[in-house]
Structure formats: C-alpha cells, structure tokens
Amino acid sequence: MLPDAAADAPRVRFVMYLHIIKMTKLLFSLALSVAAASAQVKIVAPGAGASRIHIVINRKPYADFVMKSDEAMKPYLYPLRAASGTIVTRYWPMEKVSAIEPVDHQHQRGVWFGPDEVNSFDFWNNEATYTTPNRGLIKLSKLGELKSGKKEGSIAAKFDWMDPKGVTIVEESRVMRFHNLPGLRIVDFEIDLTAIDRVKFGDGKDCCFGIRIAPQLQENKVIKTKGQPDATIPGPPGVISNSDGKKTEKEVWGKPADWVDYSGEINGEKLGIAIFDNPKNSRRARWHVRSYGLFAANPFGVSAFSGDKLQNGSVTLEPGDKLHFKYRVVIHPGSTDIAKLWAEYVK
C-alpha cells in the first residue's frame, strides 16, 4: 500500500494546487465585487447595445452619459447635480417637467462638446430633426475603460466626427472624471482631437464646450414664446461673473478669462456652476455665455465676438495634427470662493 500511496502523492498535491488557485480567484473576484459595491463614485457599465452610462455618487444617481441617441447627433452628459442633489441643468428636451422652462435651442442638451464650423460642417446645431444640410455627426467608435472609486470615477471613449456623407474627418478621444468632494461636485473633461484629413476649425460663435443651465439660474428670467404671453421664472436673477471681476452677460460675453461662474438660486438654495479653462489648452477660450442660460467656452471664436474681421481665430490642422482641451466644471454652494478653487486647480 505504501508504494501506491507514494505514487498518488503528486496527483493529490496537484489537485490541491488547482483547488487553491480556484479559491484565490474566487476570493479576488469577491474582493473586487465588494470594492465596487462600496465605491463612492460608481460608473455603471452598460449592457450590450445600451446607449448610456450611469454615474452614481454616494449611492445616488448623479448623471447619465448619453453616447448615442435618435435625436441628438453628438454625445452629452445629463443632468448635472449639486452635492445636495439639486439639478442645475435644463430638463428640456430630454424631459418636460415644468411649464416655466425655455424650449429654445433643442440642441443645447446638458453638457456637450462640438464646434459649429469644421470644414463648414456644423457639430453644434445638429439635431436629427433639423433640416440644415451641413449637420455633422459625432458617433461613438469605441467605449474605453470605466473606473469606479472612493473619491473618483472615470469614463473613457472615442468618437468619430463624420460629415453628412459619413466620412470621418476628426477622431476624438475623451476622458471624463467625476470627483466626490464635500459640498462640491467636480467633473473634469479631457478632449483630444486628431485630424484625419485636412480640417479647418472656423471662427464661429457657436462653440464648443457648452452647458445649458437650469432656468432658475438664468440672468434673464423672462421667457418669450411666440403666440403666448411672456412668462417669468421665479426667484432672483442669476449672476454671471468671470476671473477678471466682470459681471453680467454684457461684460463677460466674448471676452477671454480663466474661468466664468454662473450662480443664483434654485428653490431658495444658493448655488452655481463654474467652468475652468485649463492654461495648457491648445487654444484659450472666449466665453459664449448668455442671459437666457447658455454657458460655453469657445477656443476658436475671435472675430465672431469682436466684430473685427481682421482678427481670425480659425485653426487649420493637417492629417495627424492634434488639438488638446481640458475643462473643469464645478457645481458649488453660492458662497464658494471660485478664485481659490482655480488657484488649487492650476497649482
């Protein structure tokens, strides 16, 4: 019997070794599951064929990244929420929840990126229901890595910018990082554009990194609708301000600045949205910010804002050339020191 037992010993050790490997893999998988479940910023992976990714912060819905849509011809992030849970972006046209909400500019959905002039194609005013023949399409080509974590989560994706004939003229690589900080909600956007063919980004007004804010935050609280009486949005007027101490649309619109803030009240809660224009961007922004609720950083518009046709903010790329842009969005309580947050951002 002893010789037989000795002969079986290697086989027994091998079986035990396989069992240990299986148990290790199981424990590792369980550890990952526990870590994902306890993550404070959770990026919910989409199922096959899904059109959106859910972002959850502290076990509560924060936003959806809509990668493709039957109506929108570019991706967008909707909604944005303050740390309190209050939604700070316009609901329409994704939802209709209030009779007192502007229904202009259907293409201004949540948060988006798209210029109005790329080889004369429009990636800003480009809803599927529009009839303009030069509408470009920004189409998902590849979903990258999705990361969840205690303080931060991120989404990576690649997109093709296509002309009306379906030819890709620009490739976009995008990373969005969602931060979980006490009292604040911060989202970082990193966007790289690579020219496939020779492309010209024109000096247009409607561009590029845009947010449509909640109507309660608007500087102008009057809604004009054709064929109907004007409506007034309750609450005090919103305040537009920039890093140079300028205030109101009149003083801030079309001007360069490190950051712009749009703040006010929603149901008595004082809060605001700030956009930071990273100093290392390929082009610094001028600000297409309106009293009716549009809030956008525009790196190409110069003559479009100044009215001086001798100035030219357009950029031409040869095949393989790149542009790089970073923007930070900060949703904050009304008393927040934006200049201090900016100093920390660029430090």
Foldseek 3Di string as FASTA:
>chain_A
DVVVVVVCVVVVVVVVVVVVVVVVVVVVVVVVVVQQVQFQWHWADDDPPDQWIWTHGNNHTAWIWGQDDLWAQHIAIDWHAWPVRHTWAACPPVDDDDPQFDHPLRQQHHKGWWAQQKVNAGDRSATPPDDDQRHKGKHWDFWDDWATHRFKTKTWTKTFTATSVGDGFKIKIKMWMWGDDVQKTKIKIKIKIFGQAKIKRFQALRGTTKGFTGQQLFQAQWHDDPPDDIDGDDFHGKWKAFPVGDIDCVGQAQAFGQKIKGWGDDPRFTKIKMKGWAPPWPFGFRWHADRRGMTHTHRQHDCNRVVDPVDGRMDIDHGGDMGITMMMMMIHGNVDDVVVVNVVVRD
